[in-house]
Amino acid sequence: LVHPRDVTDVYRKYPFASFLPVWLLLFLLRMYWPVILSEIEGLVSSDTGESIRGWVITIPLTAHQMLENRALAQKKILQAAQLARAMGARIIGLGALTSSITGGGLMLVDQVDIGVTTGHAYTAHTVVSNLFALAERLELDKEKVLIAIVGATGSVGQTSALLLARAGYTHLLLIDLERKHHHFSPLIENLKSLRKDISITVSHQVRDVRDADFVITVTNAPEAVVEADDLRPGAIVIDDAQPSDVAGDVLSREDVLAIEGGGVHTPGINSHFNFGLKDKYDNYCCLAEVLLLASQKWDGHYVIHRAALEQVDRILPYAEQLGFRIADFQNRRERISDEKIRRIHELLSNQS
């Protein structure tokens, strides 16, 4: 289940909509029921090799509309889940803001006769896998780099932090809203249970990312929260938010590397919808998680509310069976060239 991040996503699917005044388009979106955007092709059962059908269904509300009227958004998400069930789907994945609007799927579990997953287990894995790959390419020491996580108390933020600690990264800066302060204590306790020597700093100010080597962004904000002036030269931003947490001026900086953190290459599986990724077999990790579960004929829910490390570990062999991997480095503007990665490497080497 997806929704337009803003009106440009509507134009991508329905070009004629660009001729309408924006206020009229937004009004019409509120009136529509969820619709099927496309059929997913190429997924097969891991056991039998038989084809498995799937669909991309959209809730016709932009991110701003969903956050402004949560009751309406929840109603349309429920309608979309019912449409999926009527089409014959046995499990749905919650893309973009549909997870946070439903409390990580909690709202749906007793209202629909269908399995639900947020996608957060495979998403956290994908985000940190991008970081691991870039750290290796850039020859960075895991025990020295500072990693900031913006949106750290959310499901993906928490799970990413735990995966980083388990992998041996020892310096974390956890950033989230002040009203979420009570979530930090249990997260810090869990992190220290994985690695006693871990150094953890907590902040409520996004601008504190200026000290970070890596910045992971995983908020549910409807607009960008990280601006170009927030980042030091050589910073690497891994953006998993939909809508994006990263302002356009970040992508214009030649001394900063900003990549899409949620891209997964799913060989042979075509969603037949332009999500803005650079390969027709690239899909977002929230979709990839439900594809993996469907390939296993998973029965019931998977990740509800918050992901656990056990759920990450359980799904990885499924990904290996289907050949899923992180997509080539990219952002919404371009594929990231080897030359740009070399420039960032040279910059970091000169700093040290």
Protein backbone atom coordinates (compact mmCIF):
# COMPACT_ATOMS: atom_id res chain seq x y z
CA LEU A 1 0.00 0.00 0.00
CA VAL A 2 1.40 3.37 -1.02
CA HIS A 3 0.30 6.99 -1.36
CA PRO A 4 1.56 9.98 -3.36
CA ARG A 5 4.34 11.78 -1.54
CA ASP A 6 3.11 15.00 -3.14
CA VAL A 7 1.23 16.01 -6.28
CA THR A 8 4.23 15.26 -8.51
CA ASP A 9 3.66 11.55 -7.84
CA VAL A 10 0.08 11.99 -9.07
CA TYR A 11 1.38 13.65 -12.23
CA ARG A 12 3.79 10.75 -12.79
CA LYS A 13 0.91 8.28 -12.98
CA TYR A 14 -1.77 10.60 -14.41
CA PRO A 15 -0.09 13.32 -16.55
CA PHE A 16 -3.44 14.98 -17.34
CA ALA A 17 -3.74 15.92 -13.64
CA SER A 18 -1.00 18.52 -14.11
CA PHE A 19 -3.54 20.68 -16.00
CA LEU A 20 -5.73 20.97 -12.90
CA PRO A 21 -5.28 23.65 -10.26
CA VAL A 22 -3.50 22.12 -7.27
CA TRP A 23 -6.34 22.99 -4.89
CA LEU A 24 -8.82 21.16 -7.15
CA LEU A 25 -6.57 18.11 -7.48
CA LEU A 26 -6.17 17.90 -3.70
CA PHE A 27 -9.93 18.17 -3.28
CA LEU A 28 -10.54 15.39 -5.80
CA LEU A 29 -7.99 13.11 -4.14
CA ARG A 30 -9.97 13.28 -0.91
CA MET A 31 -13.06 12.05 -2.76
CA TYR A 32 -11.51 8.99 -4.40
CA TRP A 33 -11.36 5.45 -3.07
CA PRO A 34 -8.05 3.56 -3.14
CA VAL A 35 -7.11 2.35 -6.61
CA ILE A 36 -4.87 -0.32 -8.08
CA LEU A 37 -1.83 1.37 -9.64
CA SER A 38 -0.20 -1.69 -11.16
CA GLU A 39 0.27 -5.43 -11.05
CA ILE A 40 3.56 -6.85 -9.79
CA GLU A 41 5.05 -9.50 -12.05
CA GLY A 42 7.97 -11.90 -11.75
CA LEU A 43 7.61 -13.11 -8.16
CA VAL A 44 7.63 -16.88 -7.73
CA SER A 45 7.24 -19.30 -4.83
CA SER A 46 10.57 -20.35 -3.33
CA ASP A 47 9.26 -23.89 -2.91
CA THR A 48 7.37 -24.60 -6.11
CA GLY A 49 8.44 -21.93 -8.58
CA GLU A 50 4.83 -21.02 -9.31
CA SER A 51 4.00 -17.41 -10.14
CA ILE A 52 2.61 -15.24 -7.36
CA ARG A 53 0.36 -12.30 -8.19
CA GLY A 54 0.64 -8.97 -6.43
CA TRP A 55 -0.54 -5.39 -6.76
CA VAL A 56 0.48 -1.86 -5.87
CA ILE A 57 -2.53 -0.09 -4.35
CA THR A 58 -2.56 3.62 -3.58
CA ILE A 59 -4.35 5.63 -0.95
CA PRO A 60 -5.29 8.84 -2.83
CA LEU A 61 -3.95 11.31 -0.26
CA THR A 62 -0.63 13.13 -0.24
CA ALA A 63 1.67 12.95 2.78
CA HIS A 64 0.49 16.35 4.00
CA GLN A 65 -3.17 15.36 3.62
CA MET A 66 -2.62 12.15 5.58
CA LEU A 67 -0.99 13.95 8.48
CA GLU A 68 -3.57 16.75 8.46
CA ASN A 69 -6.52 14.34 8.62
CA ARG A 70 -5.42 11.08 10.20
CA ALA A 71 -8.98 9.80 10.58
CA LEU A 72 -9.59 10.11 6.85
CA ALA A 73 -6.20 8.55 6.12
CA GLN A 74 -6.95 5.59 8.40
CA LYS A 75 -10.33 5.10 6.71
CA LYS A 76 -8.72 5.01 3.26
CA ILE A 77 -5.93 2.67 4.41
CA LEU A 78 -8.56 0.28 5.75
CA GLN A 79 -10.40 0.49 2.42
CA ALA A 80 -7.13 -0.26 0.59
CA ALA A 81 -6.52 -3.32 2.79
CA GLN A 82 -10.05 -4.53 2.07
CA LEU A 83 -9.47 -4.01 -1.66
CA ALA A 84 -6.28 -6.06 -1.44
CA ARG A 85 -8.17 -8.85 0.30
CA ALA A 86 -10.91 -8.75 -2.33
CA MET A 87 -8.23 -9.08 -5.06
CA GLY A 88 -7.03 -12.28 -3.39
CA ALA A 89 -3.95 -10.98 -1.56
CA ARG A 90 -2.96 -12.86 1.59
CA ILE A 91 -0.54 -10.26 2.99
CA ILE A 92 -0.06 -6.51 2.58
CA GLY A 93 2.95 -4.28 3.13
CA LEU A 94 2.58 -0.78 4.53
CA GLY A 95 4.55 1.72 2.44
CA ALA A 96 5.58 5.31 3.25
CA LEU A 97 3.32 6.89 5.91
CA THR A 98 0.70 4.11 5.94
CA SER A 99 2.66 2.39 8.71
CA SER A 100 2.93 5.36 11.08
CA ILE A 101 -0.68 6.42 10.44
CA THR A 102 -1.87 2.95 11.54
CA GLY A 103 0.42 2.66 14.56
CA GLY A 104 2.75 0.28 12.78
CA GLY A 105 -0.22 -1.74 11.51
CA LEU A 106 -1.83 -2.15 14.95
CA MET A 107 -5.00 -0.44 13.72
CA LEU A 108 -5.45 -3.03 10.99
CA VAL A 109 -4.74 -6.36 12.66
CA ASP A 110 -8.22 -6.83 14.11
CA GLN A 111 -10.11 -5.18 11.25
CA VAL A 112 -8.95 -7.09 8.17
CA ASP A 113 -8.66 -10.78 7.40
CA ILE A 114 -5.22 -10.46 5.85
CA GLY A 115 -1.59 -10.57 6.96
CA VAL A 116 0.10 -7.23 7.60
CA THR A 117 3.77 -6.19 7.73
CA THR A 118 5.33 -2.76 7.98
CA GLY A 119 8.45 -3.67 6.00
CA HIS A 120 10.63 -2.35 8.83
CA ALA A 121 12.76 -5.47 9.34
CA TYR A 122 14.09 -5.61 5.79
CA THR A 123 14.17 -1.80 5.64
CA ALA A 124 16.52 -1.56 8.63
CA HIS A 125 18.72 -4.25 7.09
CA THR A 126 18.82 -2.37 3.76
CA VAL A 127 19.67 0.95 5.40
CA VAL A 128 22.61 -0.40 7.40
CA SER A 129 23.78 -2.54 4.46
CA ASN A 130 24.19 0.68 2.45
CA LEU A 131 26.20 2.14 5.32
CA PHE A 132 28.38 -0.96 5.61
CA ALA A 133 29.07 -0.94 1.86
CA LEU A 134 29.97 2.75 1.81
CA ALA A 135 32.15 2.48 4.92
CA GLU A 136 34.11 -0.27 3.19
CA ARG A 137 34.43 1.68 -0.06
CA LEU A 138 35.57 4.78 1.82
CA GLU A 139 37.88 2.80 4.17
CA LEU A 140 36.27 4.14 7.33
CA ASP A 141 36.92 2.64 10.76
CA LYS A 142 33.70 1.42 12.38
CA GLU A 143 35.07 2.17 15.84
CA LYS A 144 35.81 5.82 14.97
CA VAL A 145 32.98 7.09 12.76
CA LEU A 146 30.05 8.95 14.32
CA ILE A 147 26.66 7.85 13.00
CA ALA A 148 23.64 10.12 13.52
CA ILE A 149 20.16 8.63 13.23
CA VAL A 150 17.42 11.21 12.68
CA GLY A 151 14.14 9.63 13.76
CA ALA A 152 16.00 7.27 16.07
CA THR A 153 13.08 6.23 18.29
CA GLY A 154 10.92 4.99 15.42
CA SER A 155 10.83 1.35 14.40
CA VAL A 156 13.38 1.61 11.58
CA GLY A 157 15.58 4.00 13.56
CA GLN A 158 15.70 1.73 16.61
CA THR A 159 16.31 -1.44 14.63
CA SER A 160 19.02 0.24 12.54
CA ALA A 161 20.77 1.40 15.72
CA LEU A 162 20.69 -2.13 17.14
CA LEU A 163 22.07 -3.59 13.92
CA LEU A 164 24.90 -1.02 13.93
CA ALA A 165 25.78 -1.81 17.54
CA ARG A 166 25.74 -5.53 16.84
CA ALA A 167 28.08 -4.98 13.88
CA GLY A 168 30.62 -3.15 16.05
CA TYR A 169 29.89 0.54 15.45
CA THR A 170 30.57 2.32 18.73
CA HIS A 171 29.62 5.99 18.31
CA LEU A 172 25.94 6.85 17.83
CA LEU A 173 24.07 10.15 17.91
CA LEU A 174 20.35 9.53 18.40
CA ILE A 175 18.09 12.40 17.30
CA ASP A 176 14.33 12.64 17.66
CA LEU A 177 11.56 14.98 18.79
CA GLU A 178 11.55 16.08 22.42
CA ARG A 179 8.08 14.61 22.95
CA LYS A 180 9.57 11.18 22.19
CA HIS A 181 12.24 11.50 24.88
CA HIS A 182 10.80 8.62 26.93
CA HIS A 183 11.66 6.21 24.10
CA PHE A 184 15.40 6.85 24.39
CA SER A 185 16.01 5.08 27.71
CA PRO A 186 14.87 1.57 26.65
CA LEU A 187 16.70 1.95 23.32
CA ILE A 188 19.95 2.93 25.05
CA GLU A 189 19.58 0.01 27.45
CA ASN A 190 19.14 -2.39 24.53
CA LEU A 191 22.14 -0.92 22.72
CA LYS A 192 24.38 -1.28 25.77
CA SER A 193 23.27 -4.88 26.21
CA LEU A 194 24.69 -5.56 22.74
CA ARG A 195 27.91 -3.59 23.23
CA LYS A 196 28.99 -2.27 26.62
CA ASP A 197 31.62 0.13 25.22
CA ILE A 198 29.19 1.93 22.92
CA SER A 199 29.12 5.75 23.12
CA ILE A 200 25.63 7.23 22.76
CA THR A 201 24.60 10.88 22.58
CA VAL A 202 20.96 12.03 22.51
CA SER A 203 19.69 15.20 20.86
CA HIS A 204 16.44 16.85 19.85
CA GLN A 205 18.14 19.15 17.31
CA VAL A 206 18.67 18.03 13.71
CA ARG A 207 21.46 20.58 13.30
CA ASP A 208 23.63 18.43 15.57
CA VAL A 209 24.25 16.12 12.58
CA ARG A 210 27.00 18.58 11.58
CA ASP A 211 29.43 16.50 13.63
CA ALA A 212 28.45 13.16 12.05
CA ASP A 213 30.31 11.12 9.45
CA PHE A 214 27.13 9.23 8.51
CA VAL A 215 23.57 10.55 8.81
CA ILE A 216 20.68 8.07 8.60
CA THR A 217 17.29 9.77 8.14
CA VAL A 218 14.13 7.78 8.94
CA THR A 219 11.48 10.26 10.08
CA ASN A 220 7.79 10.49 9.22
CA ALA A 221 7.97 14.22 8.48
CA PRO A 222 6.05 15.37 5.39
CA GLU A 223 8.95 17.57 4.27
CA ALA A 224 12.75 17.65 4.37
CA VAL A 225 14.41 18.00 7.77
CA VAL A 226 18.10 17.91 6.75
CA GLU A 227 19.40 20.96 4.89
CA ALA A 228 22.72 21.45 3.11
CA ASP A 229 24.02 23.78 5.84
CA ASP A 230 23.51 21.04 8.45
CA LEU A 231 26.25 18.81 6.98
CA ARG A 232 30.00 18.99 7.20
CA PRO A 233 32.18 18.35 4.11
CA GLY A 234 32.55 14.62 3.51
CA ALA A 235 29.30 13.68 5.25
CA ILE A 236 27.39 10.67 3.91
CA VAL A 237 23.58 10.80 4.16
CA ILE A 238 21.51 7.63 3.88
CA ASP A 239 17.90 8.71 3.42
CA ASP A 240 15.17 6.13 3.91
CA ALA A 241 12.24 8.50 4.48
CA GLN A 242 9.25 8.70 2.14
CA PRO A 243 8.70 11.61 1.59
CA SER A 244 12.42 12.35 1.60
CA ASP A 245 14.06 13.84 4.69
CA VAL A 246 16.79 15.41 2.54
CA ALA A 247 16.41 18.85 0.96
CA GLY A 248 17.27 19.34 -2.68
CA ASP A 249 20.23 21.59 -1.88
CA VAL A 250 21.94 18.61 -0.19
CA LEU A 251 22.00 16.82 -3.55
CA SER A 252 23.70 19.83 -5.13
CA ARG A 253 26.72 19.71 -2.83
CA GLU A 254 29.74 18.09 -4.45
CA ASP A 255 31.42 17.49 -1.08
CA VAL A 256 28.52 15.47 0.38
CA LEU A 257 27.24 12.03 -0.58
CA ALA A 258 23.46 11.55 -0.33
CA ILE A 259 21.96 8.21 -1.27
CA GLU A 260 18.55 6.58 -1.31
CA GLY A 261 18.69 4.18 1.62
CA GLY A 262 15.66 2.08 0.74
CA GLY A 263 16.42 0.86 -2.77
CA VAL A 264 16.54 -2.92 -3.29
CA HIS A 265 17.41 -4.66 -6.54
CA THR A 266 14.79 -7.40 -6.99
CA PRO A 267 15.93 -9.30 -10.11
CA GLY A 268 13.11 -10.27 -12.44
CA ILE A 269 10.40 -8.63 -10.30
CA ASN A 270 8.78 -5.62 -11.94
CA SER A 271 6.25 -3.52 -10.04
CA HIS A 272 5.28 -1.72 -13.28
CA PHE A 273 5.19 1.57 -11.43
CA ASN A 274 7.73 4.38 -11.52
CA PHE A 275 8.75 4.93 -7.91
CA GLY A 276 11.63 7.15 -9.07
CA LEU A 277 14.33 4.48 -8.74
CA LYS A 278 16.87 4.01 -11.51
CA ASP A 279 16.28 0.41 -12.63
CA LYS A 280 12.99 -1.23 -13.55
CA TYR A 281 13.88 -4.09 -11.20
CA ASP A 282 14.61 -1.75 -8.28
CA ASN A 283 11.93 -1.52 -5.60
CA TYR A 284 11.68 0.00 -2.16
CA CYS A 285 12.57 -2.19 0.80
CA CYS A 286 9.08 -1.97 2.34
CA LEU A 287 7.76 -3.60 -0.85
CA ALA A 288 10.70 -6.01 -0.90
CA GLU A 289 9.78 -7.32 2.55
CA VAL A 290 6.25 -8.28 1.53
CA LEU A 291 7.60 -9.83 -1.69
CA LEU A 292 9.93 -12.02 0.37
CA LEU A 293 7.13 -13.10 2.69
CA ALA A 294 4.83 -13.86 -0.23
CA SER A 295 7.55 -15.99 -1.84
CA GLN A 296 7.52 -18.12 1.32
CA LYS A 297 3.70 -18.27 1.42
CA TRP A 298 3.91 -16.59 4.83
CA ASP A 299 0.72 -16.98 6.84
CA GLY A 300 -0.30 -14.18 9.20
CA HIS A 301 1.36 -10.94 10.28
CA TYR A 302 5.09 -10.29 10.31
CA VAL A 303 6.34 -6.93 11.60
CA ILE A 304 3.67 -5.09 13.57
CA HIS A 305 4.47 -1.90 15.50
CA ARG A 306 8.24 -2.38 15.93
CA ALA A 307 10.71 -4.69 14.25
CA ALA A 308 12.92 -7.08 16.22
CA LEU A 309 16.40 -8.27 15.34
CA GLU A 310 15.04 -11.82 15.16
CA GLN A 311 12.69 -10.73 12.35
CA VAL A 312 15.62 -9.20 10.45
CA ASP A 313 17.64 -12.39 10.79
CA ARG A 314 14.71 -14.59 9.78
CA ILE A 315 13.99 -12.76 6.53
CA LEU A 316 17.58 -12.54 5.23
CA PRO A 317 17.75 -16.16 3.97
CA TYR A 318 14.57 -15.47 1.98
CA ALA A 319 16.32 -12.51 0.33
CA GLU A 320 19.35 -14.67 -0.47
CA GLN A 321 17.11 -17.26 -2.15
CA LEU A 322 15.63 -14.64 -4.48
CA GLY A 323 18.91 -12.79 -5.08
CA PHE A 324 17.78 -9.50 -3.53
CA ARG A 325 20.55 -6.99 -2.79
CA ILE A 326 20.89 -3.29 -2.14
CA ALA A 327 20.34 -1.28 -5.31
CA ASP A 328 23.19 0.60 -6.97
CA PHE A 329 23.92 3.83 -5.10
CA GLN A 330 21.53 6.53 -6.25
CA ASN A 331 19.34 9.40 -5.12
CA ARG A 332 16.29 11.01 -6.64
CA ARG A 333 18.48 13.14 -8.88
CA GLU A 334 21.08 10.68 -10.20
CA ARG A 335 22.98 7.44 -10.03
CA ILE A 336 26.02 7.95 -7.83
CA SER A 337 29.12 7.62 -9.98
CA ASP A 338 32.31 5.89 -8.92
CA GLU A 339 34.04 9.22 -9.57
CA LYS A 340 31.94 10.99 -6.93
CA ILE A 341 32.64 8.25 -4.40
CA ARG A 342 36.37 8.60 -5.16
CA ARG A 343 36.15 12.38 -4.59
CA ILE A 344 34.51 11.85 -1.21
CA HIS A 345 37.18 9.26 -0.38
CA GLU A 346 39.94 11.73 -1.25
CA LEU A 347 38.25 14.44 0.81
CA LEU A 348 37.99 12.17 3.85
CA SER A 349 41.60 11.01 3.43
CA ASN A 350 42.79 14.63 3.40
CA GLN A 351 40.78 15.38 6.55
CA SER A 352 42.46 12.55 8.40
